[in-house]
Amino acid sequence: MEKVLLCIITASGLYAASSHAERQYHFVYEPKTMTEARSYCRERHTDLATIDNMEDVELLNKMAHLNKMVNSEDSYNAWIGLYDDLDSWRWSLSDKSFNKHGEAEFRRWSPGEPNNKNSGELCTWMYDNGLWSDHICEEQMSAVCVDVRGLNGTFVVTKKSMTWTEAQSYCREHHTDLASVRNMAENQKVNELVPTGQTAWIGLSRDSWKWLDGSNSSFRYWNNDTKEPNNNVGAEACVAIDFNRFGRWADWKCDIKRAFICYSEVPVSKQVMRVRLVNKHSSLDLNGRAVMEDILKQLKQRLKDHGVNEDIKLSWKKQSDGKVFHKDEEETNKRKTSTKKEEL
């Protein structure tokens, strides 16, 4: 492709922005529990680290000083801001008007439950004795649905065995929703529908892994070799990054003391520049995608040659007609005038 002669003149037409994410990471090698690490990060920075992509993982691998992480067993691990939200139980039926004060918080857990014994116990079943337990949602069993009329609910048990998600869809299609249990009287009614020696789904479930700062990042980099998250010893609700395994993640008990990673919010600087291009080849379409990409490469090299940090992103700003480049009418008129004078 023929190169285009470039001449940067003033400001407005080209976006330039730092390619750093809007956070800066800080390693702290003093061992702390997850709770202590969170408090430290929130006091001095923004929060425990949120990780969005593999670029972040690779950056952290480069930043980590392993010789400073030798304080305990599994010493090459550091806390990040991902945790299992064990207290986020909520009913599938979201109509708040159905519940009186405090009824949405009614629970009838079996002793020791919910225990998240197997990682991913996000759904609730009822035993034939009326007590509840958390369980993996993929198990197939009957379910109790509810038909709501005003403030009253009528319970119906399904004949078909389903996963919790399938049961939710079934109950919403054929009834109102999976059963919400608001008090002991309703718990007894639902219990009477559970066959002896069996269990049945009810409508209580919880969220799983979340970031402490409220980020909605869905990026995960679990250690598949140990089938993480595995809740190996129970109540492993906090996450550490393992620099001995290329930055893979694992769930751990939150009271273990280890190094941790904070982050601070860093504003992304943006500049807008107007560029004038002298096209030596009149047949070249400056608005062509390949041409514009080539121009950006040349501009970035120019900036680098002048000492601008190479960690920068450039992009074009389209005008109202969808194009980036337009002919300079003033320059075109000058050329026409010059041509006429030469002809005279």
Protein backbone atom coordinates (compact mmCIF):
# COMPACT_ATOMS: atom_id res chain seq x y z
CA MET A 1 0.00 0.00 0.00
CA GLU A 2 1.27 3.45 -0.88
CA LYS A 3 2.12 5.55 2.16
CA VAL A 4 0.29 8.81 2.76
CA LEU A 5 2.26 11.95 3.65
CA LEU A 6 1.04 13.06 7.08
CA CYS A 7 1.03 16.47 8.67
CA ILE A 8 -0.50 16.96 12.16
CA ILE A 9 -1.75 20.50 12.60
CA THR A 10 -4.11 21.21 15.50
CA ALA A 11 -6.75 19.60 17.71
CA SER A 12 -10.04 17.75 16.73
CA GLY A 13 -10.77 14.57 14.62
CA LEU A 14 -8.56 11.87 16.07
CA TYR A 15 -9.10 10.29 19.49
CA ALA A 16 -6.04 9.36 21.54
CA ALA A 17 -6.42 7.56 24.86
CA SER A 18 -4.16 5.65 27.23
CA SER A 19 -4.58 1.88 26.80
CA HIS A 20 -4.29 1.20 30.53
CA ALA A 21 -7.44 -0.06 32.19
CA GLU A 22 -8.91 2.41 34.65
CA ARG A 23 -7.11 0.74 37.53
CA GLN A 24 -3.58 0.43 38.82
CA TYR A 25 -2.54 -2.65 40.82
CA HIS A 26 -0.62 -2.61 44.12
CA PHE A 27 0.96 -5.72 45.67
CA VAL A 28 1.02 -5.92 49.46
CA TYR A 29 3.21 -8.72 50.84
CA GLU A 30 2.26 -8.42 54.50
CA PRO A 31 0.04 -11.50 55.18
CA LYS A 32 -3.56 -10.70 56.03
CA THR A 33 -6.91 -12.50 56.03
CA MET A 34 -9.31 -11.64 53.23
CA THR A 35 -11.29 -9.35 55.55
CA GLU A 36 -8.15 -7.57 56.75
CA ALA A 37 -6.88 -7.24 53.17
CA ARG A 38 -10.18 -5.73 52.03
CA SER A 39 -10.08 -3.13 54.82
CA TYR A 40 -6.46 -2.26 54.00
CA CYS A 41 -7.21 -1.80 50.29
CA ARG A 42 -10.30 0.32 50.89
CA GLU A 43 -8.43 2.60 53.32
CA ARG A 44 -5.41 3.20 51.10
CA HIS A 45 -6.59 2.49 47.57
CA THR A 46 -9.95 1.58 46.02
CA ASP A 47 -10.52 -2.13 46.77
CA LEU A 48 -9.08 -5.62 46.44
CA ALA A 49 -8.16 -6.35 42.84
CA THR A 50 -10.78 -6.90 40.16
CA ILE A 51 -9.41 -8.72 37.09
CA ASP A 52 -11.12 -8.25 33.72
CA ASN A 53 -9.09 -10.23 31.19
CA MET A 54 -5.92 -12.18 30.38
CA GLU A 55 -3.99 -8.95 29.88
CA ASP A 56 -4.57 -8.17 33.56
CA VAL A 57 -3.46 -11.70 34.54
CA GLU A 58 -0.27 -11.40 32.48
CA LEU A 59 0.45 -7.97 34.00
CA LEU A 60 0.07 -9.34 37.54
CA ASN A 61 2.34 -12.29 36.72
CA LYS A 62 5.05 -9.81 35.69
CA MET A 63 4.53 -7.59 38.75
CA ALA A 64 4.64 -10.35 41.40
CA HIS A 65 7.86 -10.71 43.47
CA LEU A 66 7.79 -14.36 44.50
CA ASN A 67 10.75 -13.94 46.88
CA LYS A 68 8.51 -11.71 49.01
CA MET A 69 5.70 -14.31 49.19
CA VAL A 70 7.21 -16.96 51.45
CA ASN A 71 5.26 -16.51 54.67
CA SER A 72 3.16 -19.67 54.78
CA GLU A 73 2.08 -22.81 52.97
CA ASP A 74 0.81 -22.04 49.44
CA SER A 75 2.90 -18.89 49.75
CA TYR A 76 2.72 -17.91 46.10
CA ASN A 77 -0.96 -17.10 46.45
CA ALA A 78 -2.38 -13.59 46.85
CA TRP A 79 -5.95 -12.52 47.63
CA ILE A 80 -7.98 -10.83 44.90
CA GLY A 81 -11.45 -9.30 45.22
CA LEU A 82 -13.58 -12.28 44.11
CA TYR A 83 -15.75 -13.98 46.73
CA ASP A 84 -18.64 -16.43 46.98
CA ASP A 85 -21.70 -14.51 48.19
CA LEU A 86 -22.98 -17.06 50.73
CA ASP A 87 -25.61 -14.70 52.16
CA SER A 88 -27.40 -13.69 48.96
CA TRP A 89 -30.39 -16.06 49.30
CA ARG A 90 -33.56 -14.74 47.64
CA TRP A 91 -36.91 -16.08 46.48
CA SER A 92 -37.68 -16.73 42.83
CA LEU A 93 -41.02 -14.93 43.28
CA SER A 94 -39.87 -11.30 43.23
CA ASP A 95 -43.25 -9.61 43.92
CA LYS A 96 -42.51 -7.70 47.15
CA SER A 97 -46.21 -7.01 47.76
CA PHE A 98 -46.69 -10.75 48.39
CA ASN A 99 -44.68 -10.55 51.61
CA LYS A 100 -45.44 -8.81 54.88
CA HIS A 101 -42.58 -7.30 56.86
CA GLY A 102 -39.87 -9.92 57.50
CA GLU A 103 -41.59 -12.75 55.61
CA ALA A 104 -39.07 -12.74 52.74
CA GLU A 105 -36.36 -13.55 55.33
CA PHE A 106 -38.12 -16.64 56.76
CA ARG A 107 -35.77 -19.67 56.78
CA ARG A 108 -36.11 -23.26 58.01
CA TRP A 109 -32.58 -24.59 57.50
CA SER A 110 -31.55 -28.01 58.74
CA PRO A 111 -28.82 -27.81 61.43
CA GLY A 112 -25.49 -26.92 59.81
CA GLU A 113 -27.13 -25.70 56.61
CA PRO A 114 -26.57 -23.96 54.31
CA ASN A 115 -23.01 -25.28 54.17
CA ASN A 116 -22.03 -25.08 50.49
CA LYS A 117 -20.50 -28.52 51.05
CA ASN A 118 -20.07 -29.01 47.32
CA SER A 119 -19.05 -25.92 45.38
CA GLY A 120 -22.06 -24.50 43.57
CA GLU A 121 -24.77 -25.38 46.10
CA LEU A 122 -26.89 -22.43 45.02
CA CYS A 123 -30.43 -23.87 45.24
CA THR A 124 -32.69 -25.08 48.05
CA TRP A 125 -34.63 -28.26 48.59
CA MET A 126 -36.96 -29.33 51.38
CA TYR A 127 -36.64 -32.68 53.16
CA ASP A 128 -39.70 -34.74 54.03
CA ASN A 129 -39.35 -33.43 57.62
CA GLY A 130 -39.85 -29.80 56.54
CA LEU A 131 -36.21 -28.73 56.95
CA TRP A 132 -34.19 -27.16 54.14
CA SER A 133 -30.74 -27.69 52.66
CA ASP A 134 -28.64 -26.03 49.98
CA HIS A 135 -27.82 -28.25 47.03
CA ILE A 136 -26.37 -28.18 43.53
CA CYS A 137 -29.03 -26.92 41.13
CA GLU A 138 -28.45 -29.62 38.50
CA GLU A 139 -29.96 -32.40 40.65
CA GLN A 140 -33.30 -33.67 39.32
CA MET A 141 -36.26 -33.98 41.68
CA SER A 142 -39.88 -32.91 42.01
CA ALA A 143 -40.64 -29.28 42.85
CA VAL A 144 -43.31 -27.32 44.70
CA CYS A 145 -44.94 -24.49 42.73
CA VAL A 146 -47.26 -21.78 44.04
CA ASP A 147 -50.40 -20.18 42.60
CA VAL A 148 -50.75 -16.66 43.98
CA ARG A 149 -54.12 -14.96 44.36
CA GLY A 150 -53.75 -11.63 46.08
CA LEU A 151 -51.93 -12.29 49.34
CA ASN A 152 -52.74 -16.01 49.36
CA GLY A 153 -50.72 -18.85 47.88
CA THR A 154 -51.79 -22.38 46.95
CA PHE A 155 -49.01 -24.96 46.67
CA VAL A 156 -48.79 -27.69 44.02
CA VAL A 157 -46.13 -30.43 43.71
CA THR A 158 -44.90 -31.48 40.26
CA LYS A 159 -45.02 -35.11 39.14
CA LYS A 160 -42.00 -34.70 36.90
CA SER A 161 -38.41 -34.56 38.22
CA MET A 162 -36.45 -31.52 37.05
CA THR A 163 -33.38 -29.42 37.79
CA TRP A 164 -34.01 -26.27 39.82
CA THR A 165 -33.83 -24.05 36.72
CA GLU A 166 -36.18 -26.33 34.77
CA ALA A 167 -38.55 -26.33 37.75
CA GLN A 168 -38.52 -22.55 37.88
CA SER A 169 -39.43 -22.35 34.18
CA TYR A 170 -42.15 -24.98 34.59
CA CYS A 171 -43.71 -23.29 37.61
CA ARG A 172 -43.69 -19.88 35.92
CA GLU A 173 -45.37 -21.34 32.82
CA HIS A 174 -48.06 -23.43 34.55
CA HIS A 175 -48.47 -21.61 37.88
CA THR A 176 -47.09 -18.36 39.34
CA ASP A 177 -43.59 -19.42 40.38
CA LEU A 178 -41.58 -21.84 42.49
CA ALA A 179 -42.84 -21.90 46.06
CA SER A 180 -42.03 -19.01 48.39
CA VAL A 181 -42.34 -20.02 52.04
CA ARG A 182 -43.19 -17.08 54.30
CA ASN A 183 -43.84 -18.66 57.71
CA MET A 184 -44.13 -21.91 59.67
CA ALA A 185 -47.74 -22.46 58.60
CA GLU A 186 -46.80 -22.36 54.91
CA ASN A 187 -43.73 -24.49 55.59
CA GLN A 188 -46.05 -27.14 57.00
CA LYS A 189 -48.31 -26.98 53.91
CA VAL A 190 -45.35 -27.44 51.57
CA ASN A 191 -43.96 -30.23 53.75
CA GLU A 192 -47.21 -32.18 53.43
CA LEU A 193 -46.66 -32.31 49.66
CA VAL A 194 -43.14 -33.78 49.85
CA PRO A 195 -43.36 -37.59 49.56
CA THR A 196 -41.88 -39.62 52.43
CA GLY A 197 -38.20 -40.32 51.92
CA GLN A 198 -37.85 -37.72 49.16
CA THR A 199 -36.95 -34.08 48.68
CA ALA A 200 -38.43 -31.28 46.55
CA TRP A 201 -37.21 -27.96 45.19
CA ILE A 202 -38.53 -24.71 46.63
CA GLY A 203 -37.91 -21.23 45.21
CA LEU A 204 -34.92 -20.11 47.28
CA SER A 205 -31.56 -19.65 45.52
CA ARG A 206 -28.48 -17.47 45.79
CA ASP A 207 -25.88 -15.75 43.65
CA SER A 208 -22.39 -17.15 43.40
CA TRP A 209 -19.06 -15.46 42.69
CA LYS A 210 -18.97 -11.66 42.86
CA TRP A 211 -16.38 -8.87 42.89
CA LEU A 212 -16.09 -6.84 46.08
CA ASP A 213 -16.21 -3.53 44.20
CA GLY A 214 -19.51 -4.45 42.54
CA SER A 215 -17.95 -4.94 39.12
CA ASN A 216 -19.97 -7.08 36.69
CA SER A 217 -16.85 -8.59 35.10
CA SER A 218 -17.57 -12.22 34.18
CA PHE A 219 -13.89 -13.07 33.55
CA ARG A 220 -12.68 -16.14 35.47
CA TYR A 221 -9.33 -17.96 35.38
CA TRP A 222 -9.83 -20.99 37.63
CA ASN A 223 -7.16 -23.66 38.06
CA ASN A 224 -8.62 -26.59 36.11
CA ASP A 225 -5.97 -29.02 37.43
CA THR A 226 -7.57 -28.94 40.88
CA LYS A 227 -11.10 -28.44 39.49
CA GLU A 228 -11.53 -25.01 41.04
CA PRO A 229 -13.64 -23.74 42.60
CA ASN A 230 -13.84 -27.00 44.55
CA ASN A 231 -14.73 -25.96 48.11
CA ASN A 232 -12.26 -28.65 49.10
CA VAL A 233 -12.42 -28.17 52.87
CA GLY A 234 -15.77 -26.41 53.09
CA ALA A 235 -16.61 -22.71 53.35
CA GLU A 236 -13.98 -21.77 50.75
CA ALA A 237 -15.64 -18.47 49.88
CA CYS A 238 -12.59 -16.33 48.98
CA VAL A 239 -10.29 -16.39 45.95
CA ALA A 240 -6.52 -16.18 45.59
CA ILE A 241 -4.38 -15.95 42.47
CA ASP A 242 -1.57 -18.54 42.36
CA PHE A 243 1.66 -17.21 40.82
CA ASN A 244 3.17 -20.69 40.95
CA ARG A 245 0.51 -21.76 38.44
CA PHE A 246 0.73 -18.92 35.93
CA GLY A 247 -1.85 -16.78 37.75
CA ARG A 248 -4.62 -19.39 37.94
CA TRP A 249 -7.26 -18.95 40.66
CA ALA A 250 -8.49 -21.12 43.54
CA ASP A 251 -11.08 -20.81 46.29
CA TRP A 252 -9.83 -20.77 49.89
CA LYS A 253 -11.07 -20.28 53.43
CA CYS A 254 -11.14 -16.54 54.06
CA ASP A 255 -9.29 -16.61 57.39
CA ILE A 256 -5.95 -17.74 55.88
CA LYS A 257 -3.29 -15.02 56.00
CA ARG A 258 -1.48 -14.27 52.76
CA ALA A 259 -0.28 -11.48 50.46
CA PHE A 260 -2.91 -9.57 48.50
CA ILE A 261 -3.42 -7.20 45.59
CA CYS A 262 -5.22 -3.85 45.77
CA TYR A 263 -6.14 -1.54 42.95
CA SER A 264 -6.56 2.21 42.56
CA GLU A 265 -8.74 3.94 40.01
CA VAL A 266 -6.68 5.76 37.41
CA PRO A 267 -8.38 8.33 35.16
CA VAL A 268 -7.87 7.65 31.47
CA SER A 269 -6.56 10.73 29.67
CA LYS A 270 -8.04 11.53 26.26
CA GLN A 271 -7.01 14.01 23.61
CA VAL A 272 -8.61 14.93 20.30
CA MET A 273 -6.47 16.06 17.38
CA ARG A 274 -7.31 17.26 13.89
CA VAL A 275 -5.00 15.96 11.20
CA ARG A 276 -4.40 17.22 7.68
CA LEU A 277 -3.22 14.60 5.19
CA VAL A 278 -1.50 15.40 1.92
CA ASN A 279 -2.53 12.64 -0.46
CA LYS A 280 0.11 12.13 -3.14
CA HIS A 281 -2.05 9.54 -4.89
CA SER A 282 -5.40 11.01 -5.89
CA SER A 283 -6.87 7.55 -6.49
CA LEU A 284 -6.35 6.53 -2.84
CA ASP A 285 -9.55 6.46 -0.76
CA LEU A 286 -8.59 7.94 2.59
CA ASN A 287 -11.85 6.67 4.14
CA GLY A 288 -11.02 3.09 3.28
CA ARG A 289 -10.59 0.87 6.33
CA ALA A 290 -7.13 -0.46 5.39
CA VAL A 291 -5.90 3.04 4.55
CA MET A 292 -7.11 4.49 7.88
CA GLU A 293 -5.44 1.64 9.80
CA ASP A 294 -2.17 2.30 7.99
CA ILE A 295 -2.40 6.01 8.80
CA LEU A 296 -2.94 5.22 12.50
CA LYS A 297 0.23 3.09 12.51
CA GLN A 298 2.20 5.97 11.00
CA LEU A 299 0.75 8.43 13.53
CA LYS A 300 1.59 6.18 16.45
CA GLN A 301 5.16 5.85 15.21
CA ARG A 302 5.40 9.64 14.85
CA LEU A 303 4.24 10.07 18.45
CA LYS A 304 6.70 7.44 19.67
CA ASP A 305 9.54 9.17 17.81
CA HIS A 306 8.69 12.36 19.69
CA GLY A 307 8.89 10.65 23.08
CA VAL A 308 5.19 9.96 23.64
CA ASN A 309 4.54 6.81 25.69
CA GLU A 310 3.92 3.95 23.26
CA ASP A 311 1.17 2.60 25.54
CA ILE A 312 -1.50 4.56 23.71
CA LYS A 313 -4.56 3.80 21.61
CA LEU A 314 -5.63 5.81 18.59
CA SER A 315 -9.02 5.78 16.87
CA TRP A 316 -10.84 7.89 14.32
CA LYS A 317 -13.84 10.09 15.09
CA LYS A 318 -16.48 9.91 12.39
CA GLN A 319 -18.36 13.03 11.40
CA SER A 320 -22.13 13.36 10.95
CA ASP A 321 -22.05 11.83 7.46
CA GLY A 322 -20.19 8.74 8.70
CA LYS A 323 -16.90 9.73 7.10
CA VAL A 324 -13.63 10.65 8.78
CA PHE A 325 -11.88 12.58 6.03
CA HIS A 326 -13.14 15.42 3.82
CA LYS A 327 -11.35 17.43 1.19
CA ASP A 328 -10.03 20.79 2.33
CA GLU A 329 -12.21 23.14 0.22
CA GLU A 330 -9.98 26.13 0.92
CA GLU A 331 -6.92 24.25 -0.27
CA THR A 332 -8.80 22.96 -3.32
CA ASN A 333 -9.87 26.51 -4.27
CA LYS A 334 -6.28 27.75 -3.90
CA ARG A 335 -5.09 25.04 -6.27
CA LYS A 336 -7.78 25.93 -8.81
CA THR A 337 -6.82 29.63 -8.62
CA SER A 338 -3.15 28.77 -9.00
CA THR A 339 -3.92 26.64 -12.03
CA LYS A 340 -5.90 29.47 -13.69
CA LYS A 341 -3.06 31.94 -13.11
CA GLU A 342 -0.62 29.54 -14.73
CA GLU A 343 -2.92 29.19 -17.74
CA LEU A 344 -3.07 32.98 -18.10
